[in-house]
PDB file of N, CA and C in Angstrom:
ATOM      1  N   MET A   1       0.836  -1.131   0.100  1.00  0.00           N
ATOM      2  CA  MET A   1      -0.008   0.010  -0.053  1.00  0.00           C
ATOM      3  C   MET A   1       0.893   1.370   0.052  1.00  0.00           C
ATOM      4  N   ASN A   2       0.728   2.020  -0.810  1.00  0.00           N
ATOM      5  CA  ASN A   2       1.183   3.515  -0.644  1.00  0.00           C
ATOM      6  C   ASN A   2       0.741   4.686   0.199  1.00  0.00           C
ATOM      7  N   LEU A   3       1.565   5.655   0.128  1.00  0.00           N
ATOM      8  CA  LEU A   3       1.527   6.372   0.957  1.00  0.00           C
ATOM      9  C   LEU A   3      -0.175   6.853   0.863  1.00  0.00           C
ATOM     10  N   SER A   4      -0.915   7.351   0.064  1.00  0.00           N
ATOM     11  CA  SER A   4      -1.633   8.075  -0.647  1.00  0.00           C
ATOM     12  C   SER A   4      -2.729   6.908   0.183  1.00  0.00           C
ATOM     13  N   GLN A   5      -2.425   5.810  -0.430  1.00  0.00           N
ATOM     14  CA  GLN A   5      -3.539   4.652  -0.290  1.00  0.00           C
ATOM     15  C   GLN A   5      -3.916   5.049   1.342  1.00  0.00           C
ATOM     16  N   ALA A   6      -3.103   4.324   1.966  1.00  0.00           N
ATOM     17  CA  ALA A   6      -2.769   4.402   3.715  1.00  0.00           C
ATOM     18  C   ALA A   6      -3.209   5.499   3.951  1.00  0.00           C
ATOM     19  N   LEU A   7      -2.968   6.796   3.766  1.00  0.00           N
ATOM     20  CA  LEU A   7      -3.652   8.253   4.175  1.00  0.00           C
ATOM     21  C   LEU A   7      -5.164   8.244   4.003  1.00  0.00           C
ATOM     22  N   ASP A   8      -5.532   7.614   2.624  1.00  0.00           N
ATOM     23  CA  ASP A   8      -7.133   7.625   2.543  1.00  0.00           C
ATOM     24  C   ASP A   8      -8.041   6.680   3.536  1.00  0.00           C
ATOM     25  N   LYS A   9      -6.949   5.504   3.441  1.00  0.00           N
ATOM     26  CA  LYS A   9      -7.871   4.885   4.066  1.00  0.00           C
ATOM     27  C   LYS A   9      -8.157   4.838   5.680  1.00  0.00           C
ATOM     28  N   THR A  10      -7.061   5.678   6.369  1.00  0.00           N
ATOM     29  CA  THR A  10      -6.554   6.170   7.303  1.00  0.00           C
ATOM     30  C   THR A  10      -7.959   7.436   7.816  1.00  0.00           C
ATOM     31  N   LEU A  11      -7.730   8.119   7.353  1.00  0.00           N
ATOM     32  CA  LEU A  11      -9.048   9.585   7.075  1.00  0.00           C
ATOM     33  C   LEU A  11     -10.332   8.965   7.604  1.00  0.00           C
ATOM     34  N   ASP A  12     -10.740   7.895   5.986  1.00  0.00           N
ATOM     35  CA  ASP A  12     -11.952   6.728   6.087  1.00  0.00           C
ATOM     36  C   ASP A  12     -12.454   6.507   7.304  1.00  0.00           C
ATOM     37  N   LYS A  13     -11.381   5.920   7.622  1.00  0.00           N
ATOM     38  CA  LYS A  13     -11.534   4.648   9.131  1.00  0.00           C
ATOM     39  C   LYS A  13     -12.456   5.958  10.237  1.00  0.00           C
ATOM     40  N   TYR A  14     -10.708   6.753  10.752  1.00  0.00           N
ATOM     41  CA  TYR A  14     -11.299   7.603  11.690  1.00  0.00           C
ATOM     42  C   TYR A  14     -12.782   8.936  11.565  1.00  0.00           C
ATOM     43  N   GLU A  15     -12.679   8.998  10.393  1.00  0.00           N
ATOM     44  CA  GLU A  15     -13.766  10.052   9.386  1.00  0.00           C
ATOM     45  C   GLU A  15     -13.089  11.752  10.210  1.00  0.00           C
ATOM     46  N   ILE A  16     -11.880  11.806   9.221  1.00  0.00           N
ATOM     47  CA  ILE A  16     -11.504  12.903   9.615  1.00  0.00           C
ATOM     48  C   ILE A  16     -11.845  13.059   7.833  1.00  0.00           C
ATOM     49  N   SER A  17     -11.725  14.671   8.461  1.00  0.00           N
ATOM     50  CA  SER A  17     -12.337  15.529   7.233  1.00  0.00           C
ATOM     51  C   SER A  17     -10.991  15.698   6.484  1.00  0.00           C
ATOM     52  N   ALA A  18     -10.513  16.574   4.867  1.00  0.00           N
ATOM     53  CA  ALA A  18      -9.598  16.842   4.872  1.00  0.00           C
ATOM     54  C   ALA A  18      -9.147  18.592   5.491  1.00  0.00           C
ATOM     55  N   LYS A  19     -11.116  18.561   5.607  1.00  0.00           N
ATOM     56  CA  LYS A  19     -11.220  20.672   6.218  1.00  0.00           C
ATOM     57  C   LYS A  19     -10.406  20.239   7.590  1.00  0.00           C
ATOM     58  N   TRP A  20     -10.271  19.490   8.270  1.00  0.00           N
ATOM     59  CA  TRP A  20     -10.659  19.296  10.278  1.00  0.00           C
ATOM     60  C   TRP A  20      -8.884  18.892   9.938  1.00  0.00           C
ATOM     61  N   LEU A  21      -8.221  18.431   8.951  1.00  0.00           N
ATOM     62  CA  LEU A  21      -6.679  17.833   9.112  1.00  0.00           C
ATOM     63  C   LEU A  21      -5.939  19.233   8.947  1.00  0.00           C
ATOM     64  N   SER A  22      -6.088  20.258   7.826  1.00  0.00           N
ATOM     65  CA  SER A  22      -5.675  21.191   7.735  1.00  0.00           C
ATOM     66  C   SER A  22      -5.922  22.123   8.552  1.00  0.00           C
ATOM     67  N   ASP A  23      -6.879  22.402   9.117  1.00  0.00           N
ATOM     68  CA  ASP A  23      -7.174  22.579  10.372  1.00  0.00           C
ATOM     69  C   ASP A  23      -6.049  22.928  11.732  1.00  0.00           C
ATOM     70  N   GLN A  24      -6.102  21.597  11.375  1.00  0.00           N
ATOM     71  CA  GLN A  24      -5.054  21.734  12.532  1.00  0.00           C
ATOM     72  C   GLN A  24      -3.710  21.202  12.232  1.00  0.00           C
ATOM     73  N   THR A  25      -3.024  21.376  11.383  1.00  0.00           N
ATOM     74  CA  THR A  25      -1.897  20.944  10.821  1.00  0.00           C
ATOM     75  C   THR A  25      -1.059  22.581   9.365  1.00  0.00           C
ATOM     76  N   GLY A  26      -2.515  23.289   9.071  1.00  0.00           N
ATOM     77  CA  GLY A  26      -1.491  24.325   8.128  1.00  0.00           C
ATOM     78  C   GLY A  26      -1.510  23.708   6.439  1.00  0.00           C
ATOM     79  N   VAL A  27      -2.128  22.634   6.574  1.00  0.00           N
ATOM     80  CA  VAL A  27      -1.836  22.310   5.143  1.00  0.00           C
ATOM     81  C   VAL A  27      -2.710  21.948   4.490  1.00  0.00           C
ATOM     82  N   SER A  28      -3.150  22.714   3.093  1.00  0.00           N
ATOM     83  CA  SER A  28      -4.596  22.858   2.553  1.00  0.00           C
ATOM     84  C   SER A  28      -5.543  22.160   2.249  1.00  0.00           C
ATOM     85  N   PRO A  29      -6.594  22.473   2.492  1.00  0.00           N
ATOM     86  CA  PRO A  29      -7.501  21.049   2.249  1.00  0.00           C
ATOM     87  C   PRO A  29      -7.218  20.679   0.882  1.00  0.00           C
ATOM     88  N   GLN A  30      -7.321  21.654   0.019  1.00  0.00           N
ATOM     89  CA  GLN A  30      -6.955  21.218  -1.602  1.00  0.00           C
ATOM     90  C   GLN A  30      -5.666  20.105  -1.866  1.00  0.00           C
ATOM     91  N   MET A  31      -4.964  20.598  -0.790  1.00  0.00           N
ATOM     92  CA  MET A  31      -3.088  19.310  -1.124  1.00  0.00           C
ATOM     93  C   MET A  31      -3.680  18.250  -0.714  1.00  0.00           C
ATOM     94  N   ILE A  32      -4.541  17.861   1.045  1.00  0.00           N
ATOM     95  CA  ILE A  32      -4.638  16.659   1.215  1.00  0.00           C
ATOM     96  C   ILE A  32      -5.765  15.866   0.448  1.00  0.00           C
ATOM     97  N   SER A  33      -6.635  16.904   0.263  1.00  0.00           N
ATOM     98  CA  SER A  33      -7.222  15.932  -0.930  1.00  0.00           C
ATOM     99  C   SER A  33      -6.716  15.338  -2.333  1.00  0.00           C
ATOM    100  N   GLY A  34      -6.516  16.056  -3.085  1.00  0.00           N
ATOM    101  CA  GLY A  34      -5.508  15.481  -3.944  1.00  0.00           C
ATOM    102  C   GLY A  34      -4.398  14.904  -3.945  1.00  0.00           C
ATOM    103  N   PHE A  35      -3.889  14.353  -2.340  1.00  0.00           N
ATOM    104  CA  PHE A  35      -2.510  13.548  -1.943  1.00  0.00           C
ATOM    105  C   PHE A  35      -3.654  12.416  -1.697  1.00  0.00           C
ATOM    106  N   ARG A  36      -4.357  12.263  -1.322  1.00  0.00           N
ATOM    107  CA  ARG A  36      -5.685  11.450  -1.182  1.00  0.00           C
ATOM    108  C   ARG A  36      -6.012  10.388  -2.313  1.00  0.00           C
ATOM    109  N   ARG A  37      -6.463  11.250  -2.979  1.00  0.00           N
ATOM    110  CA  ARG A  37      -6.388  10.137  -4.470  1.00  0.00           C
ATOM    111  C   ARG A  37      -5.079  10.276  -5.708  1.00  0.00           C
ATOM    112  N   GLY A  38      -3.688  10.327  -4.812  1.00  0.00           N
ATOM    113  CA  GLY A  38      -3.120  10.091  -5.396  1.00  0.00           C
ATOM    114  C   GLY A  38      -2.586  11.218  -7.099  1.00  0.00           C
ATOM    115  N   GLN A  39      -3.003  12.350  -7.036  1.00  0.00           N
ATOM    116  CA  GLN A  39      -3.120  13.288  -7.707  1.00  0.00           C
ATOM    117  C   GLN A  39      -2.238  14.107  -7.865  1.00  0.00           C
ATOM    118  N   GLN A  40      -1.920  14.546  -6.877  1.00  0.00           N
ATOM    119  CA  GLN A  40      -0.787  15.631  -5.336  1.00  0.00           C
ATOM    120  C   GLN A  40       0.408  15.022  -5.004  1.00  0.00           C
ATOM    121  N   ARG A  41       1.331  15.768  -5.418  1.00  0.00           N
ATOM    122  CA  ARG A  41       2.704  14.830  -4.568  1.00  0.00           C
ATOM    123  C   ARG A  41       2.813  15.906  -3.405  1.00  0.00           C
ATOM    124  N   ILE A  42       3.197  15.207  -2.155  1.00  0.00           N
ATOM    125  CA  ILE A  42       3.178  16.077  -1.008  1.00  0.00           C
ATOM    126  C   ILE A  42       4.656  15.800  -0.369  1.00  0.00           C
ATOM    127  N   TYR A  43       5.111  16.780  -0.133  1.00  0.00           N
ATOM    128  CA  TYR A  43       6.033  17.223   0.132  1.00  0.00           C
ATOM    129  C   TYR A  43       6.273  16.961   1.640  1.00  0.00           C
ATOM    130  N   SER A  44       8.113  16.293   2.370  1.00  0.00           N
ATOM    131  CA  SER A  44       8.175  15.864   3.444  1.00  0.00           C
ATOM    132  C   SER A  44       7.816  17.146   4.713  1.00  0.00           C
ATOM    133  N   ASP A  45       7.779  18.527   4.042  1.00  0.00           N
ATOM    134  CA  ASP A  45       7.193  19.300   5.574  1.00  0.00           C
ATOM    135  C   ASP A  45       5.699  18.847   5.133  1.00  0.00           C
ATOM    136  N   SER A  46       5.176  19.015   4.620  1.00  0.00           N
ATOM    137  CA  SER A  46       3.804  18.509   4.666  1.00  0.00           C
ATOM    138  C   SER A  46       3.407  17.788   4.911  1.00  0.00           C
ATOM    139  N   LEU A  47       3.819  15.956   4.960  1.00  0.00           N
ATOM    140  CA  LEU A  47       4.265  14.992   5.696  1.00  0.00           C
ATOM    141  C   LEU A  47       4.217  15.155   7.414  1.00  0.00           C
ATOM    142  N   GLU A  48       5.322  15.558   7.262  1.00  0.00           N
ATOM    143  CA  GLU A  48       5.681  15.452   8.482  1.00  0.00           C
ATOM    144  C   GLU A  48       4.121  16.320   9.467  1.00  0.00           C
ATOM    145  N   ARG A  49       3.931  17.428   9.422  1.00  0.00           N
ATOM    146  CA  ARG A  49       2.343  18.262   9.734  1.00  0.00           C
ATOM    147  C   ARG A  49       1.272  17.787   9.892  1.00  0.00           C
ATOM    148  N   ILE A  50       1.038  16.473   8.925  1.00  0.00           N
ATOM    149  CA  ILE A  50      -0.138  16.046   8.596  1.00  0.00           C
ATOM    150  C   ILE A  50       0.211  14.647  10.222  1.00  0.00           C
ATOM    151  N   LEU A  51       1.159  14.272   9.937  1.00  0.00           N
ATOM    152  CA  LEU A  51       1.257  12.792  11.155  1.00  0.00           C
ATOM    153  C   LEU A  51       0.917  13.327  12.253  1.00  0.00           C
ATOM    154  N   ALA A  52       1.896  15.134  12.648  1.00  0.00           N
ATOM    155  CA  ALA A  52       1.555  15.790  13.736  1.00  0.00           C
ATOM    156  C   ALA A  52       0.481  15.786  14.399  1.00  0.00           C
ATOM    157  N   GLY A  53      -0.748  15.898  13.101  1.00  0.00           N
ATOM    158  CA  GLY A  53      -1.913  16.678  13.012  1.00  0.00           C
ATOM    159  C   GLY A  53      -3.036  15.578  12.850  1.00  0.00           C
ATOM    160  N   LEU A  54      -2.275  14.194  13.514  1.00  0.00           N
ATOM    161  CA  LEU A  54      -3.643  12.994  13.238  1.00  0.00           C
ATOM    162  C   LEU A  54      -3.405  13.249  14.976  1.00  0.00           C
ATOM    163  N   PRO A  55      -4.969  12.441  15.195  1.00  0.00           N
ATOM    164  CA  PRO A  55      -4.580  11.876  16.300  1.00  0.00           C
ATOM    165  C   PRO A  55      -4.024  10.755  16.408  1.00  0.00           C
ATOM    166  N   ALA A  56      -3.233   9.952  17.984  1.00  0.00           N
ATOM    167  CA  ALA A  56      -2.430   9.152  18.284  1.00  0.00           C
ATOM    168  C   ALA A  56      -2.911   7.836  17.671  1.00  0.00           C
ATOM    169  N   GLU A  57      -4.189   7.552  17.709  1.00  0.00           N
ATOM    170  CA  GLU A  57      -4.288   5.998  17.419  1.00  0.00           C
ATOM    171  C   GLU A  57      -4.488   5.762  15.572  1.00  0.00           C
ATOM    172  N   ALA A  58      -5.311   7.427  15.324  1.00  0.00           N
ATOM    173  CA  ALA A  58      -5.042   7.322  13.472  1.00  0.00           C
ATOM    174  C   ALA A  58      -3.508   7.698  13.074  1.00  0.00           C
ATOM    175  N   ARG A  59      -2.437   7.841  13.798  1.00  0.00           N
ATOM    176  CA  ARG A  59      -1.718   8.342  13.077  1.00  0.00           C
ATOM    177  C   ARG A  59      -0.828   6.794  13.390  1.00  0.00           C
ATOM    178  N   SER A  60      -0.947   6.155  14.703  1.00  0.00           N
ATOM    179  CA  SER A  60      -0.305   4.648  14.323  1.00  0.00           C
ATOM    180  C   SER A  60      -1.157   3.870  13.518  1.00  0.00           C
ATOM    181  N   TYR A  61      -2.515   3.720  13.133  1.00  0.00           N
ATOM    182  CA  TYR A  61      -3.181   2.961  12.344  1.00  0.00           C
ATOM    183  C   TYR A  61      -2.045   3.211  10.800  1.00  0.00           C
ATOM    184  N   LEU A  62      -1.867   4.839  10.333  1.00  0.00           N
ATOM    185  CA  LEU A  62      -1.597   4.936   8.777  1.00  0.00           C
ATOM    186  C   LEU A  62       0.099   4.207   9.602  1.00  0.00           C
ATOM    187  N   LEU A  63       0.696   4.646  10.225  1.00  0.00           N
ATOM    188  CA  LEU A  63       2.164   3.656  10.215  1.00  0.00           C
ATOM    189  C   LEU A  63       1.794   2.050   9.883  1.00  0.00           C
ATOM    190  N   CYS A  64       1.444   2.050  10.682  1.00  0.00           N
ATOM    191  CA  CYS A  64       0.967   0.670  10.248  1.00  0.00           C
ATOM    192  C   CYS A  64       0.691  -0.570   9.128  1.00  0.00           C
ATOM    193  N   GLN A  65      -0.131   0.874   8.566  1.00  0.00           N
ATOM    194  CA  GLN A  65      -0.739   0.305   7.070  1.00  0.00           C
ATOM    195  C   GLN A  65       0.557   0.577   6.751  1.00  0.00           C
ATOM    196  N   LEU A  66       1.559   1.451   6.539  1.00  0.00           N
ATOM    197  CA  LEU A  66       2.780   1.040   5.559  1.00  0.00           C
ATOM    198  C   LEU A  66       3.661   0.192   5.934  1.00  0.00           C
ATOM    199  N   GLY A  67       3.911  -0.382   7.335  1.00  0.00           N
ATOM    200  CA  GLY A  67       4.565  -0.592   7.609  1.00  0.00           C
ATOM    201  C   GLY A  67       5.784  -0.558   8.122  1.00  0.00           C
ATOM    202  N   ALA A  68       5.567   0.980   8.495  1.00  0.00           N
ATOM    203  CA  ALA A  68       7.041   1.593   9.193  1.00  0.00           C
ATOM    204  C   ALA A  68       6.712   1.374  10.509  1.00  0.00           C
ATOM    205  N   VAL A  69       5.766   0.406  11.404  1.00  0.00           N
ATOM    206  CA  VAL A  69       6.316   0.778  12.772  1.00  0.00           C
ATOM    207  C   VAL A  69       6.310  -0.443  13.452  1.00  0.00           C
ATOM    208  N   ASP A  70       7.154  -0.822  14.092  1.00  0.00           N
ATOM    209  CA  ASP A  70       7.442  -2.216  14.499  1.00  0.00           C
ATOM    210  C   ASP A  70       6.486  -2.295  15.508  1.00  0.00           C
ATOM    211  N   LEU A  71       5.511  -3.219  15.825  1.00  0.00           N
ATOM    212  CA  LEU A  71       4.722  -4.100  16.143  1.00  0.00           C
ATOM    213  C   LEU A  71       4.906  -4.049  17.794  1.00  0.00           C
ATOM    214  N   ASN A  72       5.621  -4.340  18.149  1.00  0.00           N
ATOM    215  CA  ASN A  72       6.409  -3.908  19.344  1.00  0.00           C
ATOM    216  C   ASN A  72       6.480  -3.165  20.118  1.00  0.00           C
ATOM    217  N   GLN A  73       6.247  -1.939  19.412  1.00  0.00           N
ATOM    218  CA  GLN A  73       6.728  -0.538  19.453  1.00  0.00           C
ATOM    219  C   GLN A  73       5.323  -0.111  20.400  1.00  0.00           C
ATOM    220  N   ILE A  74       4.311  -0.760  19.717  1.00  0.00           N
ATOM    221  CA  ILE A  74       2.581  -0.072  19.767  1.00  0.00           C
ATOM    222  C   ILE A  74       1.585  -0.670  20.776  1.00  0.00           C
ATOM    223  N   ASP A  75       1.032   0.342  21.662  1.00  0.00           N
ATOM    224  CA  ASP A  75       0.556  -0.384  22.412  1.00  0.00           C
ATOM    225  C   ASP A  75      -0.823  -0.946  22.010  1.00  0.00           C
ATOM    226  N   LEU A  76      -0.469  -2.073  22.299  1.00  0.00           N
ATOM    227  CA  LEU A  76      -1.794  -3.132  21.674  1.00  0.00           C
ATOM    228  C   LEU A  76      -3.301  -2.839  22.178  1.00  0.00           C
ATOM    229  N   GLN A  77      -3.223  -2.279  23.379  1.00  0.00           N
ATOM    230  CA  GLN A  77      -4.559  -1.992  23.632  1.00  0.00           C
ATOM    231  C   GLN A  77      -5.010  -1.071  22.595  1.00  0.00           C
ATOM    232  N   SER A  78      -4.146  -0.085  22.511  1.00  0.00           N
ATOM    233  CA  SER A  78      -5.209   0.928  21.566  1.00  0.00           C
ATOM    234  C   SER A  78      -5.124   0.961  20.355  1.00  0.00           C
ATOM    235  N   LEU A  79      -4.572  -0.230  19.755  1.00  0.00           N
ATOM    236  CA  LEU A  79      -4.674  -1.013  18.530  1.00  0.00           C
ATOM    237  C   LEU A  79      -5.938  -1.761  18.718  1.00  0.00           C
ATOM    238  N   VAL A  80      -6.137  -2.336  19.358  1.00  0.00           N
ATOM    239  CA  VAL A  80      -7.417  -3.207  19.047  1.00  0.00           C
ATOM    240  C   VAL A  80      -9.030  -2.602  19.408  1.00  0.00           C
ATOM    241  N   ILE A  81      -8.362  -1.722  20.114  1.00  0.00           N
ATOM    242  CA  ILE A  81      -9.150  -0.481  20.238  1.00  0.00           C
ATOM    243  C   ILE A  81      -9.745  -0.213  18.973  1.00  0.00           C
ATOM    244  N   SER A  82      -8.667   0.900  18.197  1.00  0.00           N
ATOM    245  CA  SER A  82      -8.721   1.174  16.955  1.00  0.00           C
ATOM    246  C   SER A  82      -9.323   0.375  16.144  1.00  0.00           C
ATOM    247  N   LEU A  83      -9.213  -1.070  16.319  1.00  0.00           N
ATOM    248  CA  LEU A  83      -9.981  -2.160  14.773  1.00  0.00           C
ATOM    249  C   LEU A  83     -11.206  -1.823  14.481  1.00  0.00           C
ATOM    250  N   SER A  84     -12.098  -2.286  13.313  1.00  0.00           N
ATOM    251  CA  SER A  84     -13.259  -2.023  12.882  1.00  0.00           C
ATOM    252  C   SER A  84     -13.407  -3.014  13.837  1.00  0.00           C
ATOM    253  N   PRO A  85     -14.876  -3.655  13.871  1.00  0.00           N
ATOM    254  CA  PRO A  85     -15.329  -4.963  14.490  1.00  0.00           C
ATOM    255  C   PRO A  85     -15.463  -6.052  13.911  1.00  0.00           C
ATOM    256  N   GLU A  86     -15.211  -5.756  12.785  1.00  0.00           N
ATOM    257  CA  GLU A  86     -14.982  -7.504  11.826  1.00  0.00           C
ATOM    258  C   GLU A  86     -13.387  -7.818  11.917  1.00  0.00           C
ATOM    259  N   GLU A  87     -12.464  -6.508  11.990  1.00  0.00           N
ATOM    260  CA  GLU A  87     -11.189  -6.953  12.377  1.00  0.00           C
ATOM    261  C   GLU A  87     -10.544  -7.742  13.690  1.00  0.00           C
ATOM    262  N   LYS A  88     -11.870  -7.049  14.635  1.00  0.00           N
ATOM    263  CA  LYS A  88     -11.976  -7.416  15.855  1.00  0.00           C
ATOM    264  C   LYS A  88     -11.922  -8.649  16.259  1.00  0.00           C
ATOM    265  N   ALA A  89     -13.141  -9.257  15.925  1.00  0.00           N
ATOM    266  CA  ALA A  89     -12.950 -10.877  15.373  1.00  0.00           C
ATOM    267  C   ALA A  89     -12.625 -11.653  15.061  1.00  0.00           C
ATOM    268  N   GLU A  90     -11.491 -11.479  13.770  1.00  0.00           N
ATOM    269  CA  GLU A  90     -10.436 -11.777  13.527  1.00  0.00           C
ATOM    270  C   GLU A  90      -9.561 -11.887  14.709  1.00  0.00           C
ATOM    271  N   VAL A  91      -9.023 -11.061  15.564  1.00  0.00           N
ATOM    272  CA  VAL A  91      -9.016 -11.325  16.225  1.00  0.00           C
ATOM    273  C   VAL A  91      -8.924 -12.316  17.462  1.00  0.00           C
ATOM    274  N   PHE A  92      -9.699 -11.847  18.212  1.00  0.00           N
ATOM    275  CA  PHE A  92     -10.370 -12.815  19.091  1.00  0.00           C
ATOM    276  C   PHE A  92     -10.704 -14.189  18.700  1.00  0.00           C
ATOM    277  N   ASN A  93     -11.319 -14.356  17.260  1.00  0.00           N
ATOM    278  CA  ASN A  93     -10.934 -15.824  17.051  1.00  0.00           C
ATOM    279  C   ASN A  93      -9.575 -16.203  16.956  1.00  0.00           C
ATOM    280  N   ALA A  94      -8.597 -15.557  16.526  1.00  0.00           N
ATOM    281  CA  ALA A  94      -7.341 -16.513  16.245  1.00  0.00           C
ATOM    282  C   ALA A  94      -6.895 -16.179  17.792  1.00  0.00           C
ATOM    283  N   LEU A  95      -7.032 -15.456  18.835  1.00  0.00           N
ATOM    284  CA  LEU A  95      -6.618 -15.938  19.886  1.00  0.00           C
ATOM    285  C   LEU A  95      -7.527 -17.317  20.667  1.00  0.00           C
ATOM    286  N   ALA A  96      -8.757 -17.351  20.266  1.00  0.00           N
ATOM    287  CA  ALA A  96      -9.612 -18.595  21.162  1.00  0.00           C
ATOM    288  C   ALA A  96      -8.889 -19.771  20.216  1.00  0.00           C
ATOM    289  N   ILE A  97      -9.040 -19.609  18.664  1.00  0.00           N
ATOM    290  CA  ILE A  97      -8.362 -21.136  18.350  1.00  0.00           C
ATOM    291  C   ILE A  97      -6.910 -21.158  19.266  1.00  0.00           C
ATOM    292  N   TRP A  98      -6.325 -20.022  18.901  1.00  0.00           N
ATOM    293  CA  TRP A  98      -4.594 -20.748  20.097  1.00  0.00           C
ATOM    294  C   TRP A  98      -4.813 -21.088  21.260  1.00  0.00           C
ATOM    295  N   VAL A  99      -5.980 -20.628  21.995  1.00  0.00           N
ATOM    296  CA  VAL A  99      -6.278 -21.292  23.210  1.00  0.00           C
ATOM    297  C   VAL A  99      -6.607 -22.492  23.094  1.00  0.00           C
ATOM    298  N   VAL A 100      -7.796 -23.194  22.224  1.00  0.00           N
ATOM    299  CA  VAL A 100      -8.315 -24.319  22.587  1.00  0.00           C
ATOM    300  C   VAL A 100      -7.104 -25.240  21.878  1.00  0.00           C
ATOM    301  N   GLN A 101      -6.173 -25.108  21.556  1.00  0.00           N
ATOM    302  CA  GLN A 101      -4.487 -25.815  20.305  1.00  0.00           C
ATOM    303  C   GLN A 101      -4.003 -25.758  22.102  1.00  0.00           C
ATOM    304  N   SER A 102      -4.092 -24.987  22.398  1.00  0.00           N
ATOM    305  CA  SER A 102      -3.175 -24.755  23.825  1.00  0.00           C
ATOM    306  C   SER A 102      -3.480 -25.746  24.801  1.00  0.00           C
ATOM    307  N   ARG A 103      -5.407 -25.756  25.023  1.00  0.00           N
ATOM    308  CA  ARG A 103      -5.345 -26.834  26.064  1.00  0.00           C
ATOM    309  C   ARG A 103      -5.565 -28.172  25.271  1.00  0.00           C
ATOM    310  N   GLU A 104      -5.837 -28.682  23.781  1.00  0.00           N
ATOM    311  CA  GLU A 104      -5.512 -29.442  23.395  1.00  0.00           C
ATOM    312  C   GLU A 104      -4.135 -30.153  23.641  1.00  0.00           C
ATOM    313  N   ALA A 105      -3.372 -29.455  23.409  1.00  0.00           N
ATOM    314  CA  ALA A 105      -1.497 -29.677  23.636  1.00  0.00           C
ATOM    315  C   ALA A 105      -1.330 -30.592  24.867  1.00  0.00           C
ATOM    316  N   LYS A 106      -2.184 -29.669  26.019  1.00  0.00           N
ATOM    317  CA  LYS A 106      -1.724 -29.844  27.333  1.00  0.00           C
ATOM    318  C   LYS A 106      -0.458 -28.980  27.290  1.00  0.00           C
ATOM    319  N   ASP A 107      -0.255 -28.236  26.751  1.00  0.00           N
ATOM    320  CA  ASP A 107       0.818 -27.211  27.194  1.00  0.00           C
ATOM    321  C   ASP A 107       1.221 -26.365  27.989  1.00  0.00           C
ATOM    322  N   SER A 108       1.866 -26.662  29.190  1.00  0.00           N
ATOM    323  CA  SER A 108       0.832 -25.779  30.484  1.00  0.00           C
ATOM    324  C   SER A 108       1.572 -24.765  31.049  1.00  0.00           C
ATOM    325  N   ASN A 109       3.340 -24.355  30.161  1.00  0.00           N
ATOM    326  CA  ASN A 109       4.147 -22.978  29.806  1.00  0.00           C
ATOM    327  C   ASN A 109       3.203 -22.407  29.156  1.00  0.00           C
ATOM    328  N   CYS A 110       2.311 -22.840  27.887  1.00  0.00           N
ATOM    329  CA  CYS A 110       1.923 -22.387  27.167  1.00  0.00           C
ATOM    330  C   CYS A 110       0.371 -21.262  27.647  1.00  0.00           C
ATOM    331  N   LEU A 111      -0.407 -22.208  28.486  1.00  0.00           N
ATOM    332  CA  LEU A 111      -1.821 -22.113  28.653  1.00  0.00           C
ATOM    333  C   LEU A 111      -1.660 -20.227  29.485  1.00  0.00           C
ATOM    334  N   PRO A 112      -1.002 -20.317  30.556  1.00  0.00           N
ATOM    335  CA  PRO A 112      -1.266 -19.200  31.507  1.00  0.00           C
ATOM    336  C   PRO A 112      -1.423 -17.781  30.821  1.00  0.00           C
ATOM    337  N   GLN A 113      -0.464 -18.171  29.701  1.00  0.00           N
ATOM    338  CA  GLN A 113       0.118 -16.892  29.292  1.00  0.00           C
ATOM    339  C   GLN A 113      -0.995 -16.615  28.374  1.00  0.00           C
ATOM    340  N   ALA A 114      -2.027 -17.052  27.975  1.00  0.00           N
ATOM    341  CA  ALA A 114      -3.615 -17.075  27.037  1.00  0.00           C
ATOM    342  C   ALA A 114      -4.504 -16.794  28.055  1.00  0.00           C
ATOM    343  N   VAL A 115      -4.141 -16.376  28.962  1.00  0.00           N
ATOM    344  CA  VAL A 115      -5.789 -16.269  29.963  1.00  0.00           C
ATOM    345  C   VAL A 115      -5.432 -14.659  30.800  1.00  0.00           C
TER     346      VAL A 115
END
């Protein structure tokens, strides 16, 4: 996923308008909209202001979309809270499967970590 797509997905997910982001950053709404559509280049100073102007959860989400953040460095609770209901269901399903498999394997070292 490229930066324009990641920004567009992030702004949609967090319901952030170009106008609101512009008010926070000083980057024009036209520049933000053009960049979201992939019709305009964004310069590093504008990108830095956009990143700084995003709420923390939205910024983390954007950086995760780009693979630019080590997930070990992210507050896991905030990340899970920011997920869509479908994404949360997928995470909880994966955890449930892991717990069941741990019980079936009777891996006593692994099970307490799951609970």
